[in-house]
Amino acid sequence: MLGAYYTKGMDNRALFDHLAIGTTEGYLRHLKQHNVIFMDLSKLPDPCQSYEQYIDYIRDGLIEDIEERYGIQKRRRMSINDFLAAVGEPFIFILDEWDAIFHKTFMTERDKEAYLEFLKGLLKINLMWSLLT
């Protein structure tokens, strides 16, 4: 529901007008006004036997989505943050099941630290706000 409310171009006003949020002061100010990135981080590539395969899958999916939606091509040495900054607008990140990967047997302590650094870096720049579930 959060994605449906905030995402630019989604005309879902009928879903929210009759709810409590429809009576709030900022309702129309935020309705379908933001760039939203929803990521289900419990999804794994097939096969997935390492953290490297997992994080490559996540990065590649994010890059493909941004390239398709905004027409921006990621240069080889461009960081994810620089790539997102090229859009020129902040994002709302909704990260579902952000901690699911910690329960996979292939994850080492070093992998877990690298993953947290990845998330920290991802959410550091061009962020309006984030929700981790």
C-alpha atoms as a PDB file:
ATOM      1  CA  MET A   1       0.000   0.000   0.000  1.00  0.00           C
ATOM      2  CA  LEU A   2       2.864   2.400   0.673  1.00  0.00           C
ATOM      3  CA  GLY A   3       4.159   2.000  -2.854  1.00  0.00           C
ATOM      4  CA  ALA A   4       0.683   2.549  -4.278  1.00  0.00           C
ATOM      5  CA  TYR A   5       0.330   5.765  -2.269  1.00  0.00           C
ATOM      6  CA  TYR A   6       3.718   7.366  -2.928  1.00  0.00           C
ATOM      7  CA  THR A   7       4.728   6.186  -6.422  1.00  0.00           C
ATOM      8  CA  LYS A   8       4.678   8.792  -9.165  1.00  0.00           C
ATOM      9  CA  GLY A   9       2.169   8.195 -11.896  1.00  0.00           C
ATOM     10  CA  MET A  10       0.070   5.647 -10.036  1.00  0.00           C
ATOM     11  CA  ASP A  11      -3.484   6.967  -9.967  1.00  0.00           C
ATOM     12  CA  ASN A  12      -4.701   5.225  -6.838  1.00  0.00           C
ATOM     13  CA  ARG A  13      -6.570   8.081  -5.235  1.00  0.00           C
ATOM     14  CA  ALA A  14      -9.750   5.981  -5.044  1.00  0.00           C
ATOM     15  CA  LEU A  15      -7.898   3.540  -2.776  1.00  0.00           C
ATOM     16  CA  PHE A  16      -7.056   6.222  -0.230  1.00  0.00           C
ATOM     17  CA  ASP A  17      -9.738   8.927  -0.352  1.00  0.00           C
ATOM     18  CA  HIS A  18     -12.050   7.090   2.036  1.00  0.00           C
ATOM     19  CA  LEU A  19      -9.309   6.110   4.510  1.00  0.00           C
ATOM     20  CA  ALA A  20      -8.065   8.135   7.474  1.00  0.00           C
ATOM     21  CA  ILE A  21      -5.034   9.270   5.476  1.00  0.00           C
ATOM     22  CA  GLY A  22      -7.418  10.936   3.019  1.00  0.00           C
ATOM     23  CA  THR A  23      -8.338  13.474   5.690  1.00  0.00           C
ATOM     24  CA  THR A  24      -4.792  14.445   6.651  1.00  0.00           C
ATOM     25  CA  GLU A  25      -3.210  17.750   5.743  1.00  0.00           C
ATOM     26  CA  GLY A  26      -0.361  16.298   3.650  1.00  0.00           C
ATOM     27  CA  TYR A  27      -2.472  13.684   1.847  1.00  0.00           C
ATOM     28  CA  LEU A  28      -2.452  15.245  -1.623  1.00  0.00           C
ATOM     29  CA  ARG A  29       1.040  16.680  -1.207  1.00  0.00           C
ATOM     30  CA  HIS A  30       2.530  13.164  -1.149  1.00  0.00           C
ATOM     31  CA  LEU A  31       0.000  11.136  -3.142  1.00  0.00           C
ATOM     32  CA  LYS A  32       1.749   9.770  -6.276  1.00  0.00           C
ATOM     33  CA  GLN A  33       4.548  12.339  -5.996  1.00  0.00           C
ATOM     34  CA  HIS A  34       7.691  10.303  -5.296  1.00  0.00           C
ATOM     35  CA  ASN A  35      10.178   7.901  -6.839  1.00  0.00           C
ATOM     36  CA  VAL A  36       9.713   4.610  -5.010  1.00  0.00           C
ATOM     37  CA  ILE A  37      11.998   1.603  -5.115  1.00  0.00           C
ATOM     38  CA  PHE A  38      10.452  -1.551  -3.678  1.00  0.00           C
ATOM     39  CA  MET A  39      12.822  -4.449  -3.205  1.00  0.00           C
ATOM     40  CA  ASP A  40      11.865  -7.896  -1.902  1.00  0.00           C
ATOM     41  CA  LEU A  41      15.237  -8.934  -0.558  1.00  0.00           C
ATOM     42  CA  SER A  42      14.125 -12.475   0.234  1.00  0.00           C
ATOM     43  CA  LYS A  43      14.123 -13.398  -3.466  1.00  0.00           C
ATOM     44  CA  LEU A  44      17.192 -15.296  -4.559  1.00  0.00           C
ATOM     45  CA  PRO A  45      18.597 -16.002  -8.007  1.00  0.00           C
ATOM     46  CA  ASP A  46      18.484 -19.599  -9.147  1.00  0.00           C
ATOM     47  CA  PRO A  47      20.941 -21.037  -8.342  1.00  0.00           C
ATOM     48  CA  CYS A  48      22.222 -19.079  -5.361  1.00  0.00           C
ATOM     49  CA  GLN A  49      25.069 -20.616  -3.455  1.00  0.00           C
ATOM     50  CA  SER A  50      26.970 -17.538  -2.307  1.00  0.00           C
ATOM     51  CA  TYR A  51      26.612 -13.996  -1.089  1.00  0.00           C
ATOM     52  CA  GLU A  52      28.301 -12.790  -4.277  1.00  0.00           C
ATOM     53  CA  GLN A  53      25.596 -14.386  -6.437  1.00  0.00           C
ATOM     54  CA  TYR A  54      22.906 -12.855  -4.228  1.00  0.00           C
ATOM     55  CA  ILE A  55      24.282  -9.304  -4.147  1.00  0.00           C
ATOM     56  CA  ASP A  56      25.018  -9.340  -7.892  1.00  0.00           C
ATOM     57  CA  TYR A  57      21.382 -10.334  -8.463  1.00  0.00           C
ATOM     58  CA  ILE A  58      20.155  -7.459  -6.261  1.00  0.00           C
ATOM     59  CA  ARG A  59      22.481  -4.876  -7.858  1.00  0.00           C
ATOM     60  CA  ASP A  60      21.766  -6.005 -11.414  1.00  0.00           C
ATOM     61  CA  GLY A  61      17.999  -5.880 -10.818  1.00  0.00           C
ATOM     62  CA  LEU A  62      18.201  -2.384  -9.360  1.00  0.00           C
ATOM     63  CA  ILE A  63      20.370  -1.162 -12.234  1.00  0.00           C
ATOM     64  CA  GLU A  64      18.085  -2.684 -14.875  1.00  0.00           C
ATOM     65  CA  ASP A  65      15.012  -1.116 -13.275  1.00  0.00           C
ATOM     66  CA  ILE A  66      16.574   2.361 -13.077  1.00  0.00           C
ATOM     67  CA  GLU A  67      17.907   2.156 -16.640  1.00  0.00           C
ATOM     68  CA  GLU A  68      14.495   1.100 -17.927  1.00  0.00           C
ATOM     69  CA  ARG A  69      12.459   3.625 -15.933  1.00  0.00           C
ATOM     70  CA  TYR A  70      14.706   6.689 -16.219  1.00  0.00           C
ATOM     71  CA  GLY A  71      16.686   6.010 -19.391  1.00  0.00           C
ATOM     72  CA  ILE A  72      19.999   6.432 -17.591  1.00  0.00           C
ATOM     73  CA  GLN A  73      22.831   4.085 -18.522  1.00  0.00           C
ATOM     74  CA  LYS A  74      25.150   2.999 -15.721  1.00  0.00           C
ATOM     75  CA  ARG A  75      28.777   3.435 -16.618  1.00  0.00           C
ATOM     76  CA  ARG A  76      31.118   0.621 -15.671  1.00  0.00           C
ATOM     77  CA  ARG A  77      32.900   2.419 -12.850  1.00  0.00           C
ATOM     78  CA  MET A  78      29.865   4.299 -11.593  1.00  0.00           C
ATOM     79  CA  SER A  79      28.764   3.445  -8.059  1.00  0.00           C
ATOM     80  CA  ILE A  80      25.136   2.630  -7.303  1.00  0.00           C
ATOM     81  CA  ASN A  81      24.886   5.913  -5.385  1.00  0.00           C
ATOM     82  CA  ASP A  82      26.234   7.947  -8.296  1.00  0.00           C
ATOM     83  CA  PHE A  83      23.877   6.090 -10.602  1.00  0.00           C
ATOM     84  CA  LEU A  84      20.854   6.923  -8.422  1.00  0.00           C
ATOM     85  CA  ALA A  85      22.053  10.522  -8.055  1.00  0.00           C
ATOM     86  CA  ALA A  86      22.012  10.830 -11.854  1.00  0.00           C
ATOM     87  CA  VAL A  87      18.216  10.638 -11.696  1.00  0.00           C
ATOM     88  CA  GLY A  88      18.328  14.015  -9.948  1.00  0.00           C
ATOM     89  CA  GLU A  89      15.527  13.306  -7.482  1.00  0.00           C
ATOM     90  CA  PRO A  90      15.364  11.533  -4.114  1.00  0.00           C
ATOM     91  CA  PHE A  91      13.907   8.071  -3.626  1.00  0.00           C
ATOM     92  CA  ILE A  92      11.754   6.321  -1.110  1.00  0.00           C
ATOM     93  CA  PHE A  93      13.093   2.818  -0.510  1.00  0.00           C
ATOM     94  CA  ILE A  94      10.802   0.055   0.709  1.00  0.00           C
ATOM     95  CA  LEU A  95      12.965  -2.945   1.562  1.00  0.00           C
ATOM     96  CA  ASP A  96      10.886  -6.018   2.307  1.00  0.00           C
ATOM     97  CA  GLU A  97      12.517  -8.919   4.142  1.00  0.00           C
ATOM     98  CA  TRP A  98      15.816  -7.014   4.331  1.00  0.00           C
ATOM     99  CA  ASP A  99      17.247  -9.498   6.836  1.00  0.00           C
ATOM    100  CA  ALA A 100      16.146 -12.755   5.135  1.00  0.00           C
ATOM    101  CA  ILE A 101      19.606 -13.359   3.686  1.00  0.00           C
ATOM    102  CA  PHE A 102      21.139 -13.643   7.174  1.00  0.00           C
ATOM    103  CA  HIS A 103      19.485 -17.046   7.583  1.00  0.00           C
ATOM    104  CA  LYS A 104      21.074 -18.640   4.522  1.00  0.00           C
ATOM    105  CA  THR A 105      23.743 -21.238   5.289  1.00  0.00           C
ATOM    106  CA  PHE A 106      26.253 -19.768   2.836  1.00  0.00           C
ATOM    107  CA  MET A 107      26.359 -16.412   4.650  1.00  0.00           C
ATOM    108  CA  THR A 108      29.517 -15.805   6.681  1.00  0.00           C
ATOM    109  CA  GLU A 109      30.006 -13.061   9.254  1.00  0.00           C
ATOM    110  CA  ARG A 110      32.058 -11.176   6.686  1.00  0.00           C
ATOM    111  CA  ASP A 111      29.212 -11.508   4.145  1.00  0.00           C
ATOM    112  CA  LYS A 112      26.735 -10.148   6.689  1.00  0.00           C
ATOM    113  CA  GLU A 113      28.946  -7.129   7.329  1.00  0.00           C
ATOM    114  CA  ALA A 114      29.350  -6.539   3.585  1.00  0.00           C
ATOM    115  CA  TYR A 115      25.577  -6.723   3.116  1.00  0.00           C
ATOM    116  CA  LEU A 116      24.954  -4.187   5.881  1.00  0.00           C
ATOM    117  CA  GLU A 117      27.535  -1.885   4.278  1.00  0.00           C
ATOM    118  CA  PHE A 118      25.756  -2.300   0.931  1.00  0.00           C
ATOM    119  CA  LEU A 119      22.427  -1.287   2.505  1.00  0.00           C
ATOM    120  CA  LYS A 120      24.038   1.594   4.379  1.00  0.00           C
ATOM    121  CA  GLY A 121      25.583   2.892   1.175  1.00  0.00           C
ATOM    122  CA  LEU A 122      22.378   2.418  -0.789  1.00  0.00           C
ATOM    123  CA  LEU A 123      20.322   4.391   1.713  1.00  0.00           C
ATOM    124  CA  LYS A 124      22.907   7.074   2.393  1.00  0.00           C
ATOM    125  CA  ILE A 125      22.423   9.301  -0.648  1.00  0.00           C
ATOM    126  CA  ASN A 126      19.351  10.429  -2.588  1.00  0.00           C
ATOM    127  CA  LEU A 127      17.080   9.137   0.106  1.00  0.00           C
ATOM    128  CA  MET A 128      13.816  10.704   1.035  1.00  0.00           C
ATOM    129  CA  TRP A 129      13.089   7.940   3.552  1.00  0.00           C
ATOM    130  CA  SER A 130      13.174   4.201   3.851  1.00  0.00           C
ATOM    131  CA  LEU A 131      11.085   1.437   5.358  1.00  0.00           C
ATOM    132  CA  LEU A 132      12.647  -1.891   6.221  1.00  0.00           C
ATOM    133  CA  THR A 133      10.260  -4.729   6.973  1.00  0.00           C
END
